[in-house]
């Protein structure tokens, strides 16, 4: 159950990050306000003791949504 919750939370954060950094109409202050999301997602990748499927999911999410 924890995996599903973390997966949905990370996916939501990644979508917010991607939307706000790809949209030209978003103010610079908003773009600056969502920069912490990238760090939070990467932190999930490097957490020790997490399941392998979680780490691979976070890495895929990072590549799909964070690396533009």
N, C-alpha and C. Protein backbone atom coordinates (compact mmCIF):
# COMPACT_ATOMS: atom_id res chain seq x y z
N UNK A 1 0.82 -1.19 0.00
CA UNK A 1 0.00 0.00 0.00
C UNK A 1 0.87 1.26 0.00
N UNK A 2 1.96 1.26 0.76
CA UNK A 2 2.84 2.42 0.80
C UNK A 2 3.40 2.75 -0.58
N UNK A 3 3.74 1.72 -1.35
CA UNK A 3 4.30 1.95 -2.68
C UNK A 3 3.31 2.71 -3.55
N UNK A 4 2.04 2.31 -3.51
CA UNK A 4 1.03 2.96 -4.34
C UNK A 4 0.85 4.43 -3.96
N UNK A 5 0.86 4.70 -2.67
CA UNK A 5 0.69 6.08 -2.21
C UNK A 5 1.89 6.93 -2.63
N UNK A 6 3.09 6.41 -2.40
CA UNK A 6 4.29 7.15 -2.79
C UNK A 6 4.34 7.35 -4.29
N UNK A 7 3.95 6.34 -5.03
CA UNK A 7 3.97 6.42 -6.50
C UNK A 7 3.04 7.54 -6.97
N UNK A 8 1.84 7.58 -6.45
CA UNK A 8 0.88 8.61 -6.85
C UNK A 8 1.35 10.01 -6.44
N UNK A 9 1.92 10.12 -5.25
CA UNK A 9 2.41 11.42 -4.79
C UNK A 9 3.55 11.91 -5.68
N UNK A 10 4.48 11.03 -5.98
CA UNK A 10 5.61 11.42 -6.83
C UNK A 10 5.15 11.76 -8.25
N UNK A 11 4.20 10.99 -8.75
CA UNK A 11 3.68 11.25 -10.09
C UNK A 11 3.00 12.62 -10.14
N UNK A 12 2.21 12.93 -9.12
CA UNK A 12 1.55 14.23 -9.07
C UNK A 12 2.55 15.38 -9.01
N UNK A 13 3.56 15.23 -8.19
CA UNK A 13 4.59 16.26 -8.09
C UNK A 13 5.32 16.44 -9.43
N UNK A 14 5.64 15.34 -10.07
CA UNK A 14 6.35 15.41 -11.35
C UNK A 14 5.49 16.10 -12.42
N UNK A 15 4.20 15.82 -12.42
CA UNK A 15 3.32 16.46 -13.39
C UNK A 15 3.22 17.96 -13.16
N UNK A 16 3.15 18.36 -11.90
CA UNK A 16 3.13 19.79 -11.57
C UNK A 16 4.42 20.45 -12.05
N UNK A 17 5.54 19.82 -11.75
CA UNK A 17 6.84 20.35 -12.15
C UNK A 17 6.92 20.50 -13.67
N UNK A 18 6.55 19.45 -14.37
CA UNK A 18 6.63 19.46 -15.84
C UNK A 18 5.72 20.54 -16.43
N UNK A 19 4.50 20.65 -15.92
CA UNK A 19 3.55 21.62 -16.45
C UNK A 19 4.05 23.05 -16.25
N UNK A 20 4.56 23.34 -15.08
CA UNK A 20 4.96 24.72 -14.79
C UNK A 20 6.27 25.11 -15.45
N UNK A 21 7.13 24.18 -15.74
CA UNK A 21 8.39 24.55 -16.39
C UNK A 21 8.30 24.54 -17.91
N UNK A 22 7.30 23.89 -18.46
CA UNK A 22 7.14 23.85 -19.91
C UNK A 22 6.23 24.95 -20.45
N UNK A 23 5.42 25.55 -19.60
CA UNK A 23 4.46 26.55 -20.02
C UNK A 23 5.12 27.93 -20.04
N UNK A 24 5.08 28.57 -21.19
CA UNK A 24 5.72 29.89 -21.34
C UNK A 24 4.97 30.99 -20.59
N UNK A 25 3.68 30.78 -20.30
CA UNK A 25 2.87 31.81 -19.64
C UNK A 25 3.01 31.81 -18.12
N UNK A 26 3.72 30.85 -17.57
CA UNK A 26 3.88 30.77 -16.12
C UNK A 26 4.91 31.81 -15.67
N UNK A 27 4.58 32.60 -14.65
CA UNK A 27 5.53 33.62 -14.17
C UNK A 27 6.82 32.98 -13.62
N UNK A 28 7.88 33.74 -13.70
CA UNK A 28 9.18 33.24 -13.24
C UNK A 28 9.14 32.88 -11.76
N UNK A 29 8.38 33.62 -10.96
CA UNK A 29 8.29 33.33 -9.53
C UNK A 29 7.67 31.96 -9.28
N UNK A 30 6.70 31.58 -10.09
CA UNK A 30 6.07 30.26 -9.96
C UNK A 30 7.05 29.17 -10.34
N UNK A 31 7.79 29.41 -11.41
CA UNK A 31 8.79 28.43 -11.82
C UNK A 31 9.83 28.22 -10.72
N UNK A 32 10.22 29.31 -10.09
CA UNK A 32 11.20 29.20 -9.02
C UNK A 32 10.61 28.48 -7.81
N UNK A 33 9.31 28.65 -7.58
CA UNK A 33 8.66 28.03 -6.42
C UNK A 33 8.53 26.52 -6.55
N UNK A 34 8.55 25.97 -7.76
CA UNK A 34 8.40 24.52 -7.93
C UNK A 34 9.73 23.79 -8.14
N UNK A 35 10.83 24.49 -8.02
CA UNK A 35 12.12 23.84 -8.26
C UNK A 35 12.46 22.79 -7.19
N UNK A 36 11.88 22.88 -6.01
CA UNK A 36 12.14 21.91 -4.96
C UNK A 36 11.64 20.52 -5.32
N UNK A 37 10.69 20.43 -6.24
CA UNK A 37 10.09 19.14 -6.61
C UNK A 37 11.15 18.21 -7.18
N UNK A 38 12.03 18.73 -8.01
CA UNK A 38 13.09 17.91 -8.60
C UNK A 38 13.93 17.26 -7.51
N UNK A 39 14.30 18.02 -6.51
CA UNK A 39 15.11 17.49 -5.41
C UNK A 39 14.35 16.44 -4.60
N UNK A 40 13.08 16.66 -4.40
CA UNK A 40 12.26 15.71 -3.64
C UNK A 40 12.16 14.37 -4.36
N UNK A 41 12.00 14.41 -5.66
CA UNK A 41 11.91 13.17 -6.44
C UNK A 41 13.24 12.43 -6.43
N UNK A 42 14.32 13.16 -6.59
CA UNK A 42 15.63 12.52 -6.53
C UNK A 42 15.92 11.95 -5.15
N UNK A 43 15.45 12.61 -4.12
CA UNK A 43 15.63 12.10 -2.76
C UNK A 43 14.96 10.72 -2.63
N UNK A 44 13.80 10.55 -3.26
CA UNK A 44 13.12 9.26 -3.24
C UNK A 44 13.93 8.17 -3.92
N UNK A 45 14.68 8.54 -4.92
CA UNK A 45 15.51 7.56 -5.62
C UNK A 45 16.65 7.07 -4.74
N UNK A 46 17.21 7.94 -3.97
CA UNK A 46 18.38 7.59 -3.17
C UNK A 46 18.06 7.10 -1.76
N UNK A 47 16.78 6.95 -1.43
CA UNK A 47 16.42 6.46 -0.10
C UNK A 47 16.90 5.03 0.07
N UNK A 48 17.60 4.77 1.15
CA UNK A 48 18.08 3.42 1.41
C UNK A 48 16.94 2.59 2.00
N UNK A 49 16.95 1.33 1.67
CA UNK A 49 15.94 0.44 2.21
C UNK A 49 14.64 0.40 1.43
N UNK A 50 14.53 1.21 0.41
CA UNK A 50 13.30 1.20 -0.39
C UNK A 50 13.36 0.03 -1.37
N UNK A 51 12.20 -0.40 -1.78
CA UNK A 51 12.11 -1.51 -2.71
C UNK A 51 12.74 -1.13 -4.05
N UNK A 52 13.24 -2.13 -4.74
CA UNK A 52 13.84 -1.88 -6.06
C UNK A 52 12.83 -1.30 -7.04
N UNK A 53 11.60 -1.76 -6.95
CA UNK A 53 10.61 -1.26 -7.91
C UNK A 53 10.34 0.23 -7.68
N UNK A 54 10.46 0.68 -6.44
CA UNK A 54 10.27 2.10 -6.16
C UNK A 54 11.41 2.92 -6.76
N UNK A 55 12.62 2.45 -6.60
CA UNK A 55 13.78 3.16 -7.15
C UNK A 55 13.71 3.23 -8.66
N UNK A 56 13.33 2.14 -9.30
CA UNK A 56 13.24 2.16 -10.76
C UNK A 56 12.08 3.04 -11.23
N UNK A 57 10.99 3.06 -10.48
CA UNK A 57 9.87 3.94 -10.82
C UNK A 57 10.29 5.40 -10.73
N UNK A 58 10.96 5.76 -9.63
CA UNK A 58 11.39 7.15 -9.45
C UNK A 58 12.36 7.56 -10.55
N UNK A 59 13.26 6.69 -10.91
CA UNK A 59 14.22 7.01 -11.97
C UNK A 59 13.50 7.23 -13.30
N UNK A 60 12.53 6.39 -13.62
CA UNK A 60 11.75 6.56 -14.85
C UNK A 60 10.96 7.87 -14.81
N UNK A 61 10.37 8.15 -13.67
CA UNK A 61 9.62 9.39 -13.52
C UNK A 61 10.53 10.60 -13.69
N UNK A 62 11.71 10.53 -13.14
CA UNK A 62 12.68 11.62 -13.28
C UNK A 62 13.04 11.85 -14.74
N UNK A 63 13.28 10.77 -15.46
CA UNK A 63 13.65 10.91 -16.87
C UNK A 63 12.48 11.42 -17.71
N UNK A 64 11.26 10.97 -17.40
CA UNK A 64 10.10 11.35 -18.19
C UNK A 64 9.62 12.78 -17.93
N UNK A 65 9.68 13.21 -16.68
CA UNK A 65 9.06 14.49 -16.33
C UNK A 65 10.03 15.58 -15.91
N UNK A 66 11.17 15.22 -15.38
CA UNK A 66 12.07 16.23 -14.85
C UNK A 66 13.11 16.64 -15.89
N UNK A 67 13.69 15.68 -16.56
CA UNK A 67 14.67 15.98 -17.60
C UNK A 67 13.89 16.41 -18.84
N UNK A 68 13.96 17.69 -19.12
CA UNK A 68 13.13 18.22 -20.21
C UNK A 68 13.85 18.22 -21.49
